[in-house]
Amino acid sequence: MARSEDPGLQVERTTLAWIRTALAFAVVSLLMIRAGRPDTIVVAIVLALTGVVTAAALGLAQRARHRERVADFNQADPVHHPRAVLTGTLLTVLLALAALYCVWS
């Protein structure tokens, strides 16, 4: 694979990947309503709305990070702060467990 001379391409690919992740998070959150059983629909709606808000926050945070990284390629941190990564991971696991609860309870 040929290397690109444009250092902004990696930043752009990373940003697009995070946007796809946020969109997938929102879609899975909304699918919980569709896949949920009638007795868990209230829980599914609350969790879906929480997931959509989380996806929007993730997208906005990544957009701000993209602007920061594009401004200066050499001084941007290569990864998010550990607390942000842990929070994102925990929210994803909680969304998956909530989806399982809504489908199989």
PDB file of N, CA and C in Angstrom:
ATOM      1  N   MET A   1       0.835  -1.166   0.000  1.00  0.00           N
ATOM      2  CA  MET A   1       0.000   0.000   0.000  1.00  0.00           C
ATOM      3  C   MET A   1       0.885   1.236   0.000  1.00  0.00           C
ATOM      4  N   ALA A   2       0.594   2.148  -0.880  1.00  0.00           N
ATOM      5  CA  ALA A   2       1.406   3.355  -1.007  1.00  0.00           C
ATOM      6  C   ALA A   2       1.097   4.321   0.132  1.00  0.00           C
ATOM      7  N   ARG A   3       2.120   4.984   0.614  1.00  0.00           N
ATOM      8  CA  ARG A   3       1.934   5.961   1.678  1.00  0.00           C
ATOM      9  C   ARG A   3       1.530   7.297   1.072  1.00  0.00           C
ATOM     10  N   SER A   4       0.642   7.967   1.742  1.00  0.00           N
ATOM     11  CA  SER A   4       0.192   9.271   1.280  1.00  0.00           C
ATOM     12  C   SER A   4       1.077  10.353   1.880  1.00  0.00           C
ATOM     13  N   GLU A   5       1.260  11.404   1.130  1.00  0.00           N
ATOM     14  CA  GLU A   5       2.046  12.534   1.625  1.00  0.00           C
ATOM     15  C   GLU A   5       1.183  13.522   2.405  1.00  0.00           C
ATOM     16  N   ASP A   6      -0.107  13.301   2.430  1.00  0.00           N
ATOM     17  CA  ASP A   6      -1.022  14.196   3.130  1.00  0.00           C
ATOM     18  C   ASP A   6      -1.246  13.686   4.549  1.00  0.00           C
ATOM     19  N   PRO A   7      -0.718  14.377   5.573  1.00  0.00           N
ATOM     20  CA  PRO A   7      -0.887  13.900   6.945  1.00  0.00           C
ATOM     21  C   PRO A   7      -2.323  14.028   7.449  1.00  0.00           C
ATOM     22  N   GLY A   8      -3.162  14.763   6.749  1.00  0.00           N
ATOM     23  CA  GLY A   8      -4.534  14.936   7.186  1.00  0.00           C
ATOM     24  C   GLY A   8      -5.446  13.771   6.853  1.00  0.00           C
ATOM     25  N   LEU A   9      -4.976  12.865   6.000  1.00  0.00           N
ATOM     26  CA  LEU A   9      -5.832  11.747   5.610  1.00  0.00           C
ATOM     27  C   LEU A   9      -6.124  10.817   6.776  1.00  0.00           C
ATOM     28  N   GLN A  10      -5.140  10.542   7.609  1.00  0.00           N
ATOM     29  CA  GLN A  10      -5.374   9.662   8.750  1.00  0.00           C
ATOM     30  C   GLN A  10      -6.370  10.302   9.717  1.00  0.00           C
ATOM     31  N   VAL A  11      -6.243  11.582   9.943  1.00  0.00           N
ATOM     32  CA  VAL A  11      -7.167  12.285  10.823  1.00  0.00           C
ATOM     33  C   VAL A  11      -8.582  12.217  10.244  1.00  0.00           C
ATOM     34  N   GLU A  12      -8.697  12.391   8.940  1.00  0.00           N
ATOM     35  CA  GLU A  12     -10.012  12.344   8.293  1.00  0.00           C
ATOM     36  C   GLU A  12     -10.627  10.949   8.388  1.00  0.00           C
ATOM     37  N   ARG A  13      -9.825   9.915   8.159  1.00  0.00           N
ATOM     38  CA  ARG A  13     -10.337   8.541   8.263  1.00  0.00           C
ATOM     39  C   ARG A  13     -10.782   8.233   9.684  1.00  0.00           C
ATOM     40  N   THR A  14     -10.015   8.681  10.656  1.00  0.00           N
ATOM     41  CA  THR A  14     -10.373   8.451  12.052  1.00  0.00           C
ATOM     42  C   THR A  14     -11.680   9.155  12.397  1.00  0.00           C
ATOM     43  N   THR A  15     -11.826  10.381  11.948  1.00  0.00           N
ATOM     44  CA  THR A  15     -13.052  11.125  12.208  1.00  0.00           C
ATOM     45  C   THR A  15     -14.253  10.438  11.566  1.00  0.00           C
ATOM     46  N   LEU A  16     -14.102   9.997  10.337  1.00  0.00           N
ATOM     47  CA  LEU A  16     -15.198   9.303   9.663  1.00  0.00           C
ATOM     48  C   LEU A  16     -15.551   7.995  10.378  1.00  0.00           C
ATOM     49  N   ALA A  17     -14.547   7.295  10.885  1.00  0.00           N
ATOM     50  CA  ALA A  17     -14.814   6.057  11.624  1.00  0.00           C
ATOM     51  C   ALA A  17     -15.605   6.347  12.902  1.00  0.00           C
ATOM     52  N   TRP A  18     -15.259   7.415  13.614  1.00  0.00           N
ATOM     53  CA  TRP A  18     -15.992   7.768  14.825  1.00  0.00           C
ATOM     54  C   TRP A  18     -17.412   8.199  14.501  1.00  0.00           C
ATOM     55  N   ILE A  19     -17.594   8.881  13.384  1.00  0.00           N
ATOM     56  CA  ILE A  19     -18.949   9.278  12.984  1.00  0.00           C
ATOM     57  C   ILE A  19     -19.786   8.036  12.670  1.00  0.00           C
ATOM     58  N   ARG A  20     -19.188   7.068  11.980  1.00  0.00           N
ATOM     59  CA  ARG A  20     -19.911   5.815  11.711  1.00  0.00           C
ATOM     60  C   ARG A  20     -20.237   5.100  13.013  1.00  0.00           C
ATOM     61  N   THR A  21     -19.332   5.124  13.966  1.00  0.00           N
ATOM     62  CA  THR A  21     -19.581   4.492  15.256  1.00  0.00           C
ATOM     63  C   THR A  21     -20.740   5.169  15.979  1.00  0.00           C
ATOM     64  N   ALA A  22     -20.759   6.489  15.989  1.00  0.00           N
ATOM     65  CA  ALA A  22     -21.848   7.220  16.641  1.00  0.00           C
ATOM     66  C   ALA A  22     -23.179   6.935  15.950  1.00  0.00           C
ATOM     67  N   LEU A  23     -23.169   6.869  14.628  1.00  0.00           N
ATOM     68  CA  LEU A  23     -24.393   6.577  13.892  1.00  0.00           C
ATOM     69  C   LEU A  23     -24.886   5.155  14.196  1.00  0.00           C
ATOM     70  N   ALA A  24     -23.975   4.207  14.232  1.00  0.00           N
ATOM     71  CA  ALA A  24     -24.349   2.825  14.561  1.00  0.00           C
ATOM     72  C   ALA A  24     -24.890   2.740  15.984  1.00  0.00           C
ATOM     73  N   PHE A  25     -24.299   3.464  16.895  1.00  0.00           N
ATOM     74  CA  PHE A  25     -24.768   3.498  18.283  1.00  0.00           C
ATOM     75  C   PHE A  25     -26.204   4.014  18.330  1.00  0.00           C
ATOM     76  N   ALA A  26     -26.497   5.074  17.581  1.00  0.00           N
ATOM     77  CA  ALA A  26     -27.845   5.637  17.553  1.00  0.00           C
ATOM     78  C   ALA A  26     -28.842   4.662  16.932  1.00  0.00           C
ATOM     79  N   VAL A  27     -28.441   4.002  15.842  1.00  0.00           N
ATOM     80  CA  VAL A  27     -29.338   3.058  15.173  1.00  0.00           C
ATOM     81  C   VAL A  27     -29.650   1.874  16.074  1.00  0.00           C
ATOM     82  N   VAL A  28     -28.642   1.327  16.724  1.00  0.00           N
ATOM     83  CA  VAL A  28     -28.878   0.200  17.630  1.00  0.00           C
ATOM     84  C   VAL A  28     -29.774   0.640  18.790  1.00  0.00           C
ATOM     85  N   SER A  29     -29.579   1.845  19.256  1.00  0.00           N
ATOM     86  CA  SER A  29     -30.433   2.359  20.336  1.00  0.00           C
ATOM     87  C   SER A  29     -31.889   2.406  19.898  1.00  0.00           C
ATOM     88  N   LEU A  30     -32.131   2.886  18.686  1.00  0.00           N
ATOM     89  CA  LEU A  30     -33.505   2.969  18.199  1.00  0.00           C
ATOM     90  C   LEU A  30     -34.080   1.599  17.865  1.00  0.00           C
ATOM     91  N   LEU A  31     -33.237   0.676  17.447  1.00  0.00           N
ATOM     92  CA  LEU A  31     -33.722  -0.671  17.158  1.00  0.00           C
ATOM     93  C   LEU A  31     -34.189  -1.395  18.417  1.00  0.00           C
ATOM     94  N   MET A  32     -33.715  -0.947  19.574  1.00  0.00           N
ATOM     95  CA  MET A  32     -34.171  -1.545  20.830  1.00  0.00           C
ATOM     96  C   MET A  32     -35.679  -1.379  20.986  1.00  0.00           C
ATOM     97  N   ILE A  33     -36.205  -0.250  20.516  1.00  0.00           N
ATOM     98  CA  ILE A  33     -37.649  -0.027  20.616  1.00  0.00           C
ATOM     99  C   ILE A  33     -38.385  -1.037  19.743  1.00  0.00           C
ATOM    100  N   ARG A  34     -37.878  -1.242  18.551  1.00  0.00           N
ATOM    101  CA  ARG A  34     -38.530  -2.158  17.600  1.00  0.00           C
ATOM    102  C   ARG A  34     -38.429  -3.611  18.076  1.00  0.00           C
ATOM    103  N   ALA A  35     -37.293  -3.987  18.617  1.00  0.00           N
ATOM    104  CA  ALA A  35     -37.072  -5.379  18.999  1.00  0.00           C
ATOM    105  C   ALA A  35     -37.565  -5.692  20.408  1.00  0.00           C
ATOM    106  N   GLY A  36     -37.866  -4.660  21.167  1.00  0.00           N
ATOM    107  CA  GLY A  36     -38.275  -4.890  22.545  1.00  0.00           C
ATOM    108  C   GLY A  36     -39.647  -5.528  22.661  1.00  0.00           C
ATOM    109  N   ARG A  37     -39.832  -6.254  23.712  1.00  0.00           N
ATOM    110  CA  ARG A  37     -41.128  -6.877  23.981  1.00  0.00           C
ATOM    111  C   ARG A  37     -42.071  -5.830  24.569  1.00  0.00           C
ATOM    112  N   PRO A  38     -43.380  -6.032  24.437  1.00  0.00           N
ATOM    113  CA  PRO A  38     -44.340  -5.038  24.945  1.00  0.00           C
ATOM    114  C   PRO A  38     -44.184  -4.723  26.431  1.00  0.00           C
ATOM    115  N   ASP A  39     -43.806  -5.708  27.242  1.00  0.00           N
ATOM    116  CA  ASP A  39     -43.680  -5.448  28.674  1.00  0.00           C
ATOM    117  C   ASP A  39     -42.403  -4.681  29.035  1.00  0.00           C
ATOM    118  N   THR A  40     -41.470  -4.545  28.113  1.00  0.00           N
ATOM    119  CA  THR A  40     -40.239  -3.791  28.375  1.00  0.00           C
ATOM    120  C   THR A  40     -40.132  -2.550  27.493  1.00  0.00           C
ATOM    121  N   ILE A  41     -41.238  -2.120  26.895  1.00  0.00           N
ATOM    122  CA  ILE A  41     -41.158  -1.026  25.937  1.00  0.00           C
ATOM    123  C   ILE A  41     -40.771   0.302  26.598  1.00  0.00           C
ATOM    124  N   VAL A  42     -41.228   0.539  27.814  1.00  0.00           N
ATOM    125  CA  VAL A  42     -40.871   1.795  28.493  1.00  0.00           C
ATOM    126  C   VAL A  42     -39.369   1.831  28.767  1.00  0.00           C
ATOM    127  N   VAL A  43     -38.828   0.723  29.230  1.00  0.00           N
ATOM    128  CA  VAL A  43     -37.383   0.639  29.457  1.00  0.00           C
ATOM    129  C   VAL A  43     -36.638   0.817  28.137  1.00  0.00           C
ATOM    130  N   ALA A  44     -37.135   0.199  27.074  1.00  0.00           N
ATOM    131  CA  ALA A  44     -36.483   0.297  25.774  1.00  0.00           C
ATOM    132  C   ALA A  44     -36.489   1.729  25.256  1.00  0.00           C
ATOM    133  N   ILE A  45     -37.583   2.442  25.449  1.00  0.00           N
ATOM    134  CA  ILE A  45     -37.657   3.836  24.981  1.00  0.00           C
ATOM    135  C   ILE A  45     -36.689   4.715  25.756  1.00  0.00           C
ATOM    136  N   VAL A  46     -36.646   4.559  27.067  1.00  0.00           N
ATOM    137  CA  VAL A  46     -35.719   5.352  27.878  1.00  0.00           C
ATOM    138  C   VAL A  46     -34.270   5.057  27.482  1.00  0.00           C
ATOM    139  N   LEU A  47     -33.948   3.785  27.321  1.00  0.00           N
ATOM    140  CA  LEU A  47     -32.583   3.418  26.936  1.00  0.00           C
ATOM    141  C   LEU A  47     -32.258   3.881  25.523  1.00  0.00           C
ATOM    142  N   ALA A  48     -33.232   3.827  24.628  1.00  0.00           N
ATOM    143  CA  ALA A  48     -33.009   4.288  23.261  1.00  0.00           C
ATOM    144  C   ALA A  48     -32.726   5.785  23.236  1.00  0.00           C
ATOM    145  N   LEU A  49     -33.498   6.546  23.979  1.00  0.00           N
ATOM    146  CA  LEU A  49     -33.251   7.987  24.032  1.00  0.00           C
ATOM    147  C   LEU A  49     -31.897   8.296  24.657  1.00  0.00           C
ATOM    148  N   THR A  50     -31.542   7.551  25.682  1.00  0.00           N
ATOM    149  CA  THR A  50     -30.221   7.720  26.287  1.00  0.00           C
ATOM    150  C   THR A  50     -29.122   7.398  25.283  1.00  0.00           C
ATOM    151  N   GLY A  51     -29.314   6.321  24.517  1.00  0.00           N
ATOM    152  CA  GLY A  51     -28.335   5.945  23.503  1.00  0.00           C
ATOM    153  C   GLY A  51     -28.206   6.981  22.402  1.00  0.00           C
ATOM    154  N   VAL A  52     -29.319   7.565  21.977  1.00  0.00           N
ATOM    155  CA  VAL A  52     -29.271   8.596  20.933  1.00  0.00           C
ATOM    156  C   VAL A  52     -28.551   9.844  21.443  1.00  0.00           C
ATOM    157  N   VAL A  53     -28.827  10.233  22.681  1.00  0.00           N
ATOM    158  CA  VAL A  53     -28.139  11.387  23.261  1.00  0.00           C
ATOM    159  C   VAL A  53     -26.642  11.100  23.394  1.00  0.00           C
ATOM    160  N   THR A  54     -26.303   9.895  23.811  1.00  0.00           N
ATOM    161  CA  THR A  54     -24.892   9.516  23.922  1.00  0.00           C
ATOM    162  C   THR A  54     -24.220   9.528  22.557  1.00  0.00           C
ATOM    163  N   ALA A  55     -24.907   9.027  21.542  1.00  0.00           N
ATOM    164  CA  ALA A  55     -24.347   9.032  20.184  1.00  0.00           C
ATOM    165  C   ALA A  55     -24.123  10.459  19.694  1.00  0.00           C
ATOM    166  N   ALA A  56     -25.061  11.343  19.982  1.00  0.00           N
ATOM    167  CA  ALA A  56     -24.899  12.745  19.583  1.00  0.00           C
ATOM    168  C   ALA A  56     -23.712  13.383  20.304  1.00  0.00           C
ATOM    169  N   ALA A  57     -23.580  13.081  21.594  1.00  0.00           N
ATOM    170  CA  ALA A  57     -22.436  13.613  22.348  1.00  0.00           C
ATOM    171  C   ALA A  57     -21.122  13.078  21.799  1.00  0.00           C
ATOM    172  N   LEU A  58     -21.101  11.801  21.446  1.00  0.00           N
ATOM    173  CA  LEU A  58     -19.901  11.208  20.865  1.00  0.00           C
ATOM    174  C   LEU A  58     -19.550  11.875  19.538  1.00  0.00           C
ATOM    175  N   GLY A  59     -20.555  12.091  18.704  1.00  0.00           N
ATOM    176  CA  GLY A  59     -20.315  12.745  17.424  1.00  0.00           C
ATOM    177  C   GLY A  59     -19.815  14.170  17.585  1.00  0.00           C
ATOM    178  N   LEU A  60     -20.413  14.922  18.504  1.00  0.00           N
ATOM    179  CA  LEU A  60     -19.971  16.298  18.731  1.00  0.00           C
ATOM    180  C   LEU A  60     -18.572  16.360  19.335  1.00  0.00           C
ATOM    181  N   ALA A  61     -18.274  15.441  20.246  1.00  0.00           N
ATOM    182  CA  ALA A  61     -16.934  15.408  20.841  1.00  0.00           C
ATOM    183  C   ALA A  61     -15.889  15.083  19.780  1.00  0.00           C
ATOM    184  N   GLN A  62     -16.209  14.158  18.885  1.00  0.00           N
ATOM    185  CA  GLN A  62     -15.261  13.808  17.837  1.00  0.00           C
ATOM    186  C   GLN A  62     -15.082  14.952  16.850  1.00  0.00           C
ATOM    187  N   ARG A  63     -16.155  15.675  16.587  1.00  0.00           N
ATOM    188  CA  ARG A  63     -16.052  16.813  15.683  1.00  0.00           C
ATOM    189  C   ARG A  63     -15.117  17.874  16.259  1.00  0.00           C
ATOM    190  N   ALA A  64     -15.257  18.148  17.559  1.00  0.00           N
ATOM    191  CA  ALA A  64     -14.367  19.114  18.211  1.00  0.00           C
ATOM    192  C   ALA A  64     -12.927  18.619  18.205  1.00  0.00           C
ATOM    193  N   ARG A  65     -12.749  17.328  18.441  1.00  0.00           N
ATOM    194  CA  ARG A  65     -11.395  16.753  18.422  1.00  0.00           C
ATOM    195  C   ARG A  65     -10.800  16.823  17.026  1.00  0.00           C
ATOM    196  N   HIS A  66     -11.617  16.614  16.011  1.00  0.00           N
ATOM    197  CA  HIS A  66     -11.140  16.704  14.631  1.00  0.00           C
ATOM    198  C   HIS A  66     -10.619  18.110  14.335  1.00  0.00           C
ATOM    199  N   ARG A  67     -11.368  19.112  14.753  1.00  0.00           N
ATOM    200  CA  ARG A  67     -10.916  20.498  14.537  1.00  0.00           C
ATOM    201  C   ARG A  67      -9.590  20.764  15.243  1.00  0.00           C
ATOM    202  N   GLU A  68      -9.464  20.233  16.448  1.00  0.00           N
ATOM    203  CA  GLU A  68      -8.220  20.413  17.211  1.00  0.00           C
ATOM    204  C   GLU A  68      -7.041  19.738  16.511  1.00  0.00           C
ATOM    205  N   ARG A  69      -7.246  18.525  16.023  1.00  0.00           N
ATOM    206  CA  ARG A  69      -6.162  17.777  15.386  1.00  0.00           C
ATOM    207  C   ARG A  69      -5.787  18.354  14.031  1.00  0.00           C
ATOM    208  N   VAL A  70      -6.773  18.869  13.305  1.00  0.00           N
ATOM    209  CA  VAL A  70      -6.473  19.453  12.005  1.00  0.00           C
ATOM    210  C   VAL A  70      -5.682  20.740  12.168  1.00  0.00           C
ATOM    211  N   ALA A  71      -5.953  21.474  13.258  1.00  0.00           N
ATOM    212  CA  ALA A  71      -5.263  22.739  13.486  1.00  0.00           C
ATOM    213  C   ALA A  71      -3.758  22.542  13.612  1.00  0.00           C
ATOM    214  N   ASP A  72      -3.339  21.492  14.269  1.00  0.00           N
ATOM    215  CA  ASP A  72      -1.903  21.244  14.422  1.00  0.00           C
ATOM    216  C   ASP A  72      -1.665  19.743  14.515  1.00  0.00           C
ATOM    217  N   PHE A  73      -1.183  19.152  13.442  1.00  0.00           N
ATOM    218  CA  PHE A  73      -0.979  17.710  13.376  1.00  0.00           C
ATOM    219  C   PHE A  73       0.071  17.214  14.361  1.00  0.00           C
ATOM    220  N   ASN A  74       1.070  18.000  14.628  1.00  0.00           N
ATOM    221  CA  ASN A  74       2.195  17.521  15.431  1.00  0.00           C
ATOM    222  C   ASN A  74       1.937  17.542  16.927  1.00  0.00           C
ATOM    223  N   GLN A  75       1.022  18.353  17.404  1.00  0.00           N
ATOM    224  CA  GLN A  75       0.855  18.473  18.845  1.00  0.00           C
ATOM    225  C   GLN A  75      -0.426  17.844  19.376  1.00  0.00           C
ATOM    226  N   ALA A  76      -1.212  17.234  18.530  1.00  0.00           N
ATOM    227  CA  ALA A  76      -2.452  16.604  18.996  1.00  0.00           C
ATOM    228  C   ALA A  76      -2.146  15.286  19.688  1.00  0.00           C
ATOM    229  N   ASP A  77      -2.918  14.986  20.729  1.00  0.00           N
ATOM    230  CA  ASP A  77      -2.767  13.709  21.420  1.00  0.00           C
ATOM    231  C   ASP A  77      -3.222  12.581  20.500  1.00  0.00           C
ATOM    232  N   PRO A  78      -2.510  11.449  20.488  1.00  0.00           N
ATOM    233  CA  PRO A  78      -2.901  10.366  19.594  1.00  0.00           C
ATOM    234  C   PRO A  78      -4.169   9.635  20.016  1.00  0.00           C
ATOM    235  N   VAL A  79      -4.515   9.667  21.296  1.00  0.00           N
ATOM    236  CA  VAL A  79      -5.725   8.980  21.766  1.00  0.00           C
ATOM    237  C   VAL A  79      -6.485   9.890  22.710  1.00  0.00           C
ATOM    238  N   HIS A  80      -7.724   9.530  22.962  1.00  0.00           N
ATOM    239  CA  HIS A  80      -8.529  10.278  23.927  1.00  0.00           C
ATOM    240  C   HIS A  80      -7.987  10.044  25.328  1.00  0.00           C
ATOM    241  N   HIS A  81      -8.463  10.839  26.236  1.00  0.00           N
ATOM    242  CA  HIS A  81      -8.090  10.640  27.633  1.00  0.00           C
ATOM    243  C   HIS A  81      -8.635   9.294  28.105  1.00  0.00           C
ATOM    244  N   PRO A  82      -7.943   8.604  28.980  1.00  0.00           N
ATOM    245  CA  PRO A  82      -8.396   7.289  29.436  1.00  0.00           C
ATOM    246  C   PRO A  82      -9.811   7.308  30.010  1.00  0.00           C
ATOM    247  N   ARG A  83     -10.192   8.374  30.683  1.00  0.00           N
ATOM    248  CA  ARG A  83     -11.540   8.456  31.258  1.00  0.00           C
ATOM    249  C   ARG A  83     -12.601   8.460  30.147  1.00  0.00           C
ATOM    250  N   ALA A  84     -12.340   9.155  29.050  1.00  0.00           N
ATOM    251  CA  ALA A  84     -13.299   9.202  27.939  1.00  0.00           C
ATOM    252  C   ALA A  84     -13.422   7.832  27.275  1.00  0.00           C
ATOM    253  N   VAL A  85     -12.300   7.144  27.127  1.00  0.00           N
ATOM    254  CA  VAL A  85     -12.335   5.807  26.529  1.00  0.00           C
ATOM    255  C   VAL A  85     -13.106   4.843  27.428  1.00  0.00           C
ATOM    256  N   LEU A  86     -12.848   4.907  28.720  1.00  0.00           N
ATOM    257  CA  LEU A  86     -13.554   4.040  29.672  1.00  0.00           C
ATOM    258  C   LEU A  86     -15.053   4.341  29.685  1.00  0.00           C
ATOM    259  N   THR A  87     -15.416   5.605  29.660  1.00  0.00           N
ATOM    260  CA  THR A  87     -16.832   5.984  29.639  1.00  0.00           C
ATOM    261  C   THR A  87     -17.518   5.464  28.386  1.00  0.00           C
ATOM    262  N   GLY A  88     -16.889   5.634  27.246  1.00  0.00           N
ATOM    263  CA  GLY A  88     -17.456   5.130  25.994  1.00  0.00           C
ATOM    264  C   GLY A  88     -17.628   3.627  26.001  1.00  0.00           C
ATOM    265  N   THR A  89     -16.647   2.933  26.536  1.00  0.00           N
ATOM    266  CA  THR A  89     -16.716   1.475  26.615  1.00  0.00           C
ATOM    267  C   THR A  89     -17.847   1.034  27.540  1.00  0.00           C
ATOM    268  N   LEU A  90     -17.949   1.654  28.699  1.00  0.00           N
ATOM    269  CA  LEU A  90     -19.008   1.298  29.641  1.00  0.00           C
ATOM    270  C   LEU A  90     -20.392   1.580  29.069  1.00  0.00           C
ATOM    271  N   LEU A  91     -20.551   2.703  28.378  1.00  0.00           N
ATOM    272  CA  LEU A  91     -21.848   3.020  27.782  1.00  0.00           C
ATOM    273  C   LEU A  91     -22.218   2.019  26.697  1.00  0.00           C
ATOM    274  N   THR A  92     -21.245   1.581  25.925  1.00  0.00           N
ATOM    275  CA  THR A  92     -21.507   0.591  24.882  1.00  0.00           C
ATOM    276  C   THR A  92     -21.918  -0.748  25.488  1.00  0.00           C
ATOM    277  N   VAL A  93     -21.226  -1.172  26.527  1.00  0.00           N
ATOM    278  CA  VAL A  93     -21.566  -2.436  27.186  1.00  0.00           C
ATOM    279  C   VAL A  93     -22.950  -2.346  27.827  1.00  0.00           C
ATOM    280  N   LEU A  94     -23.254  -1.211  28.473  1.00  0.00           N
ATOM    281  CA  LEU A  94     -24.571  -1.043  29.079  1.00  0.00           C
ATOM    282  C   LEU A  94     -25.670  -1.047  28.020  1.00  0.00           C
ATOM    283  N   LEU A  95     -25.420  -0.432  26.873  1.00  0.00           N
ATOM    284  CA  LEU A  95     -26.405  -0.451  25.797  1.00  0.00           C
ATOM    285  C   LEU A  95     -26.639  -1.870  25.304  1.00  0.00           C
ATOM    286  N   ALA A  96     -25.581  -2.636  25.159  1.00  0.00           N
ATOM    287  CA  ALA A  96     -25.719  -4.021  24.700  1.00  0.00           C
ATOM    288  C   ALA A  96     -26.489  -4.858  25.723  1.00  0.00           C
ATOM    289  N   LEU A  97     -26.181  -4.697  26.996  1.00  0.00           N
ATOM    290  CA  LEU A  97     -26.903  -5.443  28.028  1.00  0.00           C
ATOM    291  C   LEU A  97     -28.367  -5.032  28.099  1.00  0.00           C
ATOM    292  N   ALA A  98     -28.627  -3.746  27.939  1.00  0.00           N
ATOM    293  CA  ALA A  98     -30.013  -3.275  27.950  1.00  0.00           C
ATOM    294  C   ALA A  98     -30.781  -3.824  26.754  1.00  0.00           C
ATOM    295  N   ALA A  99     -30.141  -3.888  25.612  1.00  0.00           N
ATOM    296  CA  ALA A  99     -30.791  -4.452  24.419  1.00  0.00           C
ATOM    297  C   ALA A  99     -31.116  -5.920  24.645  1.00  0.00           C
ATOM    298  N   LEU A 100     -30.183  -6.656  25.222  1.00  0.00           N
ATOM    299  CA  LEU A 100     -30.437  -8.064  25.518  1.00  0.00           C
ATOM    300  C   LEU A 100     -31.598  -8.217  26.501  1.00  0.00           C
ATOM    301  N   TYR A 101     -31.642  -7.362  27.491  1.00  0.00           N
ATOM    302  CA  TYR A 101     -32.738  -7.408  28.467  1.00  0.00           C
ATOM    303  C   TYR A 101     -34.079  -7.164  27.778  1.00  0.00           C
ATOM    304  N   CYS A 102     -34.121  -6.152  26.910  1.00  0.00           N
ATOM    305  CA  CYS A 102     -35.376  -5.804  26.243  1.00  0.00           C
ATOM    306  C   CYS A 102     -35.830  -6.899  25.278  1.00  0.00           C
ATOM    307  N   VAL A 103     -34.918  -7.617  24.694  1.00  0.00           N
ATOM    308  CA  VAL A 103     -35.279  -8.644  23.716  1.00  0.00           C
ATOM    309  C   VAL A 103     -35.610  -9.959  24.394  1.00  0.00           C
ATOM    310  N   TRP A 104     -34.845 -10.343  25.419  1.00  0.00           N
ATOM    311  CA  TRP A 104     -34.984 -11.681  25.975  1.00  0.00           C
ATOM    312  C   TRP A 104     -35.625 -11.757  27.350  1.00  0.00           C
ATOM    313  N   SER A 105     -36.064 -10.666  27.906  1.00  0.00           N
ATOM    314  CA  SER A 105     -36.644 -10.769  29.257  1.00  0.00           C
ATOM    315  C   SER A 105     -38.104 -11.159  29.196  1.00  0.00           C
TER     316      SER A 105
END
